[in-house]
C-alpha cells in the first residue's frame, strides 16, 4: 500500500510540522511576558506533540521520515524570519501578526492532512480513525486559539487602541 504519493505527502507535512514547531516556540518565547504566555506555551507544546503523532503515524505505516525534509522545514522557518517588519534588528508588532497568520495556515494544513488520512485509515489496520478525529479536533481548537491571539495582535498593531 505505502505508495510513493503517501510517502511524499506525509514527509512534506513532516517538514511543515517541523517549521510549525519552530515557529510556535518562537511566538511563545516572544510573548513569554504577556498575559497570554501560558496559552502560547501550551499551544507550542501541542503543536510539538502533533508532530510526534505524525512521526508515530509514519512509523506505523513503515514510512521513514526523511531527515533532509525535516531540516528543510527547520531552515525554512529560520529564513522566514528575515522578512522586513519595519525594523532592522528587533521584532515589531507586525512580526507577531504575520507569525500568527503563518501559524494559522500551518495548523489548517495539518487539519486537512489528518482529514485526508481518514480514508487511508479505513483501508489499514495500523491507523485508528478515532485518533485522527481527535487530532482534527485538537487542530480545530488550536485554530480557535490562534484566531483569538491574532485578533488581539491585530487590534494592538493596526488600530488606535494600542497599549
C-alpha atoms as a PDB file:
ATOM      1  CA  UNK A   1       0.000   0.000   0.000  1.00  0.00           C
ATOM      2  CA  UNK A   2       2.642   2.545   1.021  1.00  0.00           C
ATOM      3  CA  UNK A   3       2.749   4.106  -2.354  1.00  0.00           C
ATOM      4  CA  UNK A   4       5.036   6.909  -3.316  1.00  0.00           C
ATOM      5  CA  UNK A   5       2.356   9.597  -3.077  1.00  0.00           C
ATOM      6  CA  UNK A   6       1.599   8.778   0.577  1.00  0.00           C
ATOM      7  CA  UNK A   7       5.313   8.769   1.500  1.00  0.00           C
ATOM      8  CA  UNK A   8       5.862  12.118  -0.180  1.00  0.00           C
ATOM      9  CA  UNK A   9       2.670  13.597   1.275  1.00  0.00           C
ATOM     10  CA  UNK A  10       3.469  12.645   4.860  1.00  0.00           C
ATOM     11  CA  UNK A  11       7.109  13.702   4.578  1.00  0.00           C
ATOM     12  CA  UNK A  12       6.039  17.070   3.158  1.00  0.00           C
ATOM     13  CA  UNK A  13       3.719  17.515   6.123  1.00  0.00           C
ATOM     14  CA  UNK A  14       6.515  16.485   8.470  1.00  0.00           C
ATOM     15  CA  UNK A  15       8.685  19.263   7.027  1.00  0.00           C
ATOM     16  CA  UNK A  16       5.831  21.707   7.580  1.00  0.00           C
ATOM     17  CA  UNK A  17       5.263  20.371  11.093  1.00  0.00           C
ATOM     18  CA  UNK A  18       8.947  20.887  11.890  1.00  0.00           C
ATOM     19  CA  UNK A  19       8.703  24.506  10.739  1.00  0.00           C
ATOM     20  CA  UNK A  20       5.472  24.876  12.718  1.00  0.00           C
ATOM     21  CA  UNK A  21       7.093  23.652  15.923  1.00  0.00           C
ATOM     22  CA  UNK A  22       9.931  26.147  15.499  1.00  0.00           C
ATOM     23  CA  UNK A  23       7.546  28.997  14.704  1.00  0.00           C
ATOM     24  CA  UNK A  24       5.218  28.214  17.611  1.00  0.00           C
ATOM     25  CA  UNK A  25       8.170  28.121  20.009  1.00  0.00           C
ATOM     26  CA  UNK A  26       9.405  31.440  18.634  1.00  0.00           C
ATOM     27  CA  UNK A  27       5.972  33.030  19.104  1.00  0.00           C
ATOM     28  CA  UNK A  28       5.768  31.655  22.658  1.00  0.00           C
ATOM     29  CA  UNK A  29       9.254  32.977  23.501  1.00  0.00           C
ATOM     30  CA  UNK A  30       8.484  36.391  22.040  1.00  0.00           C
ATOM     31  CA  UNK A  31       5.426  36.683  24.280  1.00  0.00           C
ATOM     32  CA  UNK A  32       6.720  34.999  27.418  1.00  0.00           C
ATOM     33  CA  UNK A  33       5.944  38.103  29.496  1.00  0.00           C
ATOM     34  CA  UNK A  34       2.456  38.689  28.073  1.00  0.00           C
ATOM     35  CA  UNK A  35      -0.825  37.898  29.796  1.00  0.00           C
ATOM     36  CA  UNK A  36      -1.357  35.006  27.384  1.00  0.00           C
ATOM     37  CA  UNK A  37       2.124  33.494  27.731  1.00  0.00           C
ATOM     38  CA  UNK A  38       0.931  30.210  29.244  1.00  0.00           C
ATOM     39  CA  UNK A  39      -1.644  29.812  26.467  1.00  0.00           C
ATOM     40  CA  UNK A  40       1.042  30.354  23.823  1.00  0.00           C
ATOM     41  CA  UNK A  41       3.421  27.956  25.540  1.00  0.00           C
ATOM     42  CA  UNK A  42       0.688  25.301  25.705  1.00  0.00           C
ATOM     43  CA  UNK A  43      -0.060  25.858  22.006  1.00  0.00           C
ATOM     44  CA  UNK A  44       3.623  25.302  21.153  1.00  0.00           C
ATOM     45  CA  UNK A  45       3.651  22.110  23.242  1.00  0.00           C
ATOM     46  CA  UNK A  46       0.519  20.826  21.482  1.00  0.00           C
ATOM     47  CA  UNK A  47       1.996  21.565  18.057  1.00  0.00           C
ATOM     48  CA  UNK A  48       5.155  19.673  19.024  1.00  0.00           C
ATOM     49  CA  UNK A  49       3.031  16.763  20.260  1.00  0.00           C
ATOM     50  CA  UNK A  50       1.139  16.740  16.945  1.00  0.00           C
ATOM     51  CA  UNK A  51       4.457  16.499  15.107  1.00  0.00           C
ATOM     52  CA  UNK A  52       5.328  13.479  17.264  1.00  0.00           C
ATOM     53  CA  UNK A  53       1.924  11.967  16.434  1.00  0.00           C
ATOM     54  CA  UNK A  54       2.716  12.370  12.745  1.00  0.00           C
ATOM     55  CA  UNK A  55       6.083  10.632  13.196  1.00  0.00           C
ATOM     56  CA  UNK A  56       4.373   7.778  15.069  1.00  0.00           C
ATOM     57  CA  UNK A  57       1.755   7.500  12.324  1.00  0.00           C
ATOM     58  CA  UNK A  58       4.515   7.321   9.713  1.00  0.00           C
ATOM     59  CA  UNK A  59       6.312   4.602  11.681  1.00  0.00           C
ATOM     60  CA  UNK A  60       3.086   2.602  11.994  1.00  0.00           C
ATOM     61  CA  UNK A  61       2.807   2.743   8.195  1.00  0.00           C
ATOM     62  CA  UNK A  62       6.501   1.851   7.841  1.00  0.00           C
ATOM     63  CA  UNK A  63       7.205   5.187   6.176  1.00  0.00           C
ATOM     64  CA  UNK A  64      10.637   6.512   7.033  1.00  0.00           C
ATOM     65  CA  UNK A  65      10.808  10.194   7.932  1.00  0.00           C
ATOM     66  CA  UNK A  66      13.201  11.939   5.564  1.00  0.00           C
ATOM     67  CA  UNK A  67      15.603  13.875   7.749  1.00  0.00           C
ATOM     68  CA  UNK A  68      16.584  16.230   4.945  1.00  0.00           C
ATOM     69  CA  UNK A  69      12.944  17.323   4.675  1.00  0.00           C
ATOM     70  CA  UNK A  70      12.783  17.947   8.423  1.00  0.00           C
ATOM     71  CA  UNK A  71      15.970  20.005   8.206  1.00  0.00           C
ATOM     72  CA  UNK A  72      14.477  21.852   5.247  1.00  0.00           C
ATOM     73  CA  UNK A  73      11.439  22.784   7.344  1.00  0.00           C
ATOM     74  CA  UNK A  74      13.680  23.912  10.181  1.00  0.00           C
ATOM     75  CA  UNK A  75      15.782  26.055   7.829  1.00  0.00           C
ATOM     76  CA  UNK A  76      12.710  27.496   6.083  1.00  0.00           C
ATOM     77  CA  UNK A  77      11.377  28.769   9.401  1.00  0.00           C
ATOM     78  CA  UNK A  78      14.717  30.465  10.132  1.00  0.00           C
ATOM     79  CA  UNK A  79      14.848  32.087   6.677  1.00  0.00           C
ATOM     80  CA  UNK A  80      11.264  33.344   7.052  1.00  0.00           C
ATOM     81  CA  UNK A  81      12.438  35.460   9.983  1.00  0.00           C
ATOM     82  CA  UNK A  82      14.325  37.679   7.545  1.00  0.00           C
ATOM     83  CA  UNK A  83      11.059  39.198   6.287  1.00  0.00           C
ATOM     84  CA  UNK A  84      11.166  43.005   6.683  1.00  0.00           C
ATOM     85  CA  UNK A  85       8.909  44.185   9.505  1.00  0.00           C
ATOM     86  CA  UNK A  86       9.639  47.902   9.649  1.00  0.00           C
ATOM     87  CA  UNK A  87      12.592  47.429  11.987  1.00  0.00           C
ATOM     88  CA  UNK A  88      16.095  46.295  11.212  1.00  0.00           C
ATOM     89  CA  UNK A  89      17.224  44.393  14.307  1.00  0.00           C
ATOM     90  CA  UNK A  90      14.181  43.906  16.501  1.00  0.00           C
ATOM     91  CA  UNK A  91      10.746  42.403  16.309  1.00  0.00           C
ATOM     92  CA  UNK A  92       7.797  44.669  15.686  1.00  0.00           C
ATOM     93  CA  UNK A  93       4.115  44.155  16.284  1.00  0.00           C
ATOM     94  CA  UNK A  94       3.892  43.202  12.633  1.00  0.00           C
ATOM     95  CA  UNK A  95       6.235  40.282  13.347  1.00  0.00           C
ATOM     96  CA  UNK A  96       3.713  38.770  15.749  1.00  0.00           C
ATOM     97  CA  UNK A  97       0.790  39.426  13.448  1.00  0.00           C
ATOM     98  CA  UNK A  98       2.407  37.762  10.427  1.00  0.00           C
ATOM     99  CA  UNK A  99       3.769  34.860  12.503  1.00  0.00           C
ATOM    100  CA  UNK A 100       0.295  34.134  13.875  1.00  0.00           C
ATOM    101  CA  UNK A 101      -1.132  34.189  10.350  1.00  0.00           C
ATOM    102  CA  UNK A 102       1.512  31.748   9.112  1.00  0.00           C
ATOM    103  CA  UNK A 103       0.979  29.546  12.173  1.00  0.00           C
ATOM    104  CA  UNK A 104      -2.787  29.516  11.490  1.00  0.00           C
ATOM    105  CA  UNK A 105      -2.188  28.416   7.898  1.00  0.00           C
ATOM    106  CA  UNK A 106       0.082  25.615   9.102  1.00  0.00           C
ATOM    107  CA  UNK A 107      -2.480  24.379  11.605  1.00  0.00           C
ATOM    108  CA  UNK A 108      -5.185  24.448   8.943  1.00  0.00           C
ATOM    109  CA  UNK A 109      -2.937  22.401   6.647  1.00  0.00           C
ATOM    110  CA  UNK A 110      -2.324  19.924   9.454  1.00  0.00           C
ATOM    111  CA  UNK A 111      -6.081  19.600   9.999  1.00  0.00           C
ATOM    112  CA  UNK A 112      -6.525  18.890   6.295  1.00  0.00           C
ATOM    113  CA  UNK A 113      -3.795  16.237   6.445  1.00  0.00           C
ATOM    114  CA  UNK A 114      -5.461  14.414   9.365  1.00  0.00           C
ATOM    115  CA  UNK A 115      -8.733  14.585   7.449  1.00  0.00           C
ATOM    116  CA  UNK A 116      -7.095  13.226   4.287  1.00  0.00           C
ATOM    117  CA  UNK A 117      -5.782  10.269   6.294  1.00  0.00           C
ATOM    118  CA  UNK A 118      -9.277   9.119   7.374  1.00  0.00           C
ATOM    119  CA  UNK A 119      -9.947   7.183   4.127  1.00  0.00           C
ATOM    120  CA  UNK A 120      -6.442   5.694   4.381  1.00  0.00           C
ATOM    121  CA  UNK A 121      -7.243   4.545   7.926  1.00  0.00           C
ATOM    122  CA  UNK A 122     -10.403   2.876   6.650  1.00  0.00           C
ATOM    123  CA  UNK A 123      -8.196   0.645   4.472  1.00  0.00           C
ATOM    124  CA  UNK A 124      -5.469  -0.110   7.015  1.00  0.00           C
ATOM    125  CA  UNK A 125      -5.443  -1.783  10.405  1.00  0.00           C
ATOM    126  CA  UNK A 126      -2.430   0.261  11.567  1.00  0.00           C
ATOM    127  CA  UNK A 127      -4.400   3.521  11.756  1.00  0.00           C
ATOM    128  CA  UNK A 128      -7.247   4.352  14.084  1.00  0.00           C
ATOM    129  CA  UNK A 129      -9.878   6.659  12.673  1.00  0.00           C
ATOM    130  CA  UNK A 130     -10.761   7.780  16.201  1.00  0.00           C
ATOM    131  CA  UNK A 131      -7.201   9.044  16.741  1.00  0.00           C
ATOM    132  CA  UNK A 132      -7.353  11.021  13.504  1.00  0.00           C
ATOM    133  CA  UNK A 133     -10.620  12.604  14.632  1.00  0.00           C
ATOM    134  CA  UNK A 134      -9.030  13.527  17.980  1.00  0.00           C
ATOM    135  CA  UNK A 135      -6.129  15.135  16.133  1.00  0.00           C
ATOM    136  CA  UNK A 136      -8.560  17.053  13.900  1.00  0.00           C
ATOM    137  CA  UNK A 137     -10.430  18.279  16.991  1.00  0.00           C
ATOM    138  CA  UNK A 138      -7.173  19.429  18.545  1.00  0.00           C
ATOM    139  CA  UNK A 139      -6.216  21.276  15.349  1.00  0.00           C
ATOM    140  CA  UNK A 140      -9.614  22.986  15.377  1.00  0.00           C
ATOM    141  CA  UNK A 141      -9.039  24.086  18.983  1.00  0.00           C
ATOM    142  CA  UNK A 142      -5.568  25.343  18.035  1.00  0.00           C
ATOM    143  CA  UNK A 143      -7.034  27.405  15.175  1.00  0.00           C
ATOM    144  CA  UNK A 144      -9.513  28.956  17.617  1.00  0.00           C
ATOM    145  CA  UNK A 145      -6.672  29.860  19.980  1.00  0.00           C
ATOM    146  CA  UNK A 146      -4.556  31.357  17.201  1.00  0.00           C
ATOM    147  CA  UNK A 147      -7.555  33.296  15.868  1.00  0.00           C
ATOM    148  CA  UNK A 148      -8.073  34.831  19.307  1.00  0.00           C
ATOM    149  CA  UNK A 149      -4.377  35.699  19.647  1.00  0.00           C
ATOM    150  CA  UNK A 150      -4.380  37.144  16.118  1.00  0.00           C
ATOM    151  CA  UNK A 151      -7.429  39.297  16.830  1.00  0.00           C
ATOM    152  CA  UNK A 152      -5.717  40.796  19.885  1.00  0.00           C
ATOM    153  CA  UNK A 153      -2.441  41.310  17.996  1.00  0.00           C
ATOM    154  CA  UNK A 154      -4.210  42.984  15.070  1.00  0.00           C
ATOM    155  CA  UNK A 155      -6.027  45.368  17.396  1.00  0.00           C
ATOM    156  CA  UNK A 156      -2.770  46.222  19.159  1.00  0.00           C
ATOM    157  CA  UNK A 157      -0.795  46.803  15.965  1.00  0.00           C
ATOM    158  CA  UNK A 158      -3.266  48.156  13.432  1.00  0.00           C
ATOM    159  CA  UNK A 159      -5.745  50.282  15.392  1.00  0.00           C
ATOM    160  CA  UNK A 160      -5.566  53.295  17.667  1.00  0.00           C
ATOM    161  CA  UNK A 161      -6.404  51.067  20.655  1.00  0.00           C
ATOM    162  CA  UNK A 162      -2.749  50.180  21.115  1.00  0.00           C
ATOM    163  CA  UNK A 163      -1.457  49.583  24.552  1.00  0.00           C
END
